[in-house]
Amino acid sequence: MKKIGIFLLLFLLSLNVFCGEIADRFEEANAYVKAKEYNAAIKEYEAIIKLNPKHSVAYLQLGLLYGLRRDYKRAVACYRQVIKLSPSSSLAYYNLALIMADKRDFNSAIRYFMKAKKLNPENPFIYYHLGLVYSSMRDYNNAVRAFEECIKIYPDYYNAYVALGGAYFNKGDKASALKEVKRLRKLGKTNYANALVKWMENKSK
């Protein structure tokens, strides 16, 4: 019984050291990210995963870093591992969708955006990037709906107004596109309004 007690004590002590090392490494990895020393950060996150293979946040951070390097194969593997460990991770689905959109696999991108939206319907950037995907597919009606939802949630995200105006213009509704120009000017965002007008002029040539 005494030996079992000693073994249990040593085991618990080792767990505390283990957790302490993970916390230290995670802090160091995050510092590397802030310093844009991504290779060093990747090594730290990989070391964390060796210590704790179920550390979903480390996988998530690794996915982001691999994505920055456009190493999409590894990034996708990391995000899928996050989903396996934390099925409710909206961010993992969102980042998967961004990768698929960049690869022009639009159907997969939409599928992942929809899963992310279901888990976190208040994230405006899901709707914004979903709108961009629909625009790339020339599905301007759905693009308009997505951009409008983004603006509803985040009225100060002016890129969404520009994208909405572009979607209206592309679907042949120039009057609605010009309304977005007026709305931007009313909000005091003349630079955004002018950018939209210039884009429409170039498209009309």
Foldseek 3Di string as FASTA:
>chain_A
DVVVVVVVVVVVVVVVVLVVLLVVLQVVLVVCVVVVVLVSSLVSLVVSCVSPVLPLVSLQVNLVSCVVVVVNVSNLVSLVSSCVNPVLPLVSLQSNLVNCVVVVVLVSSLVSLVSSCVSPVLDLVSLQVNLVSCVVVLVLVSSLVSLVSSCVNPVPPLVSLLSNLVSCVSVPNNVVSVVSLVVCVVVVNNVSSVVSVVVSVVVVD
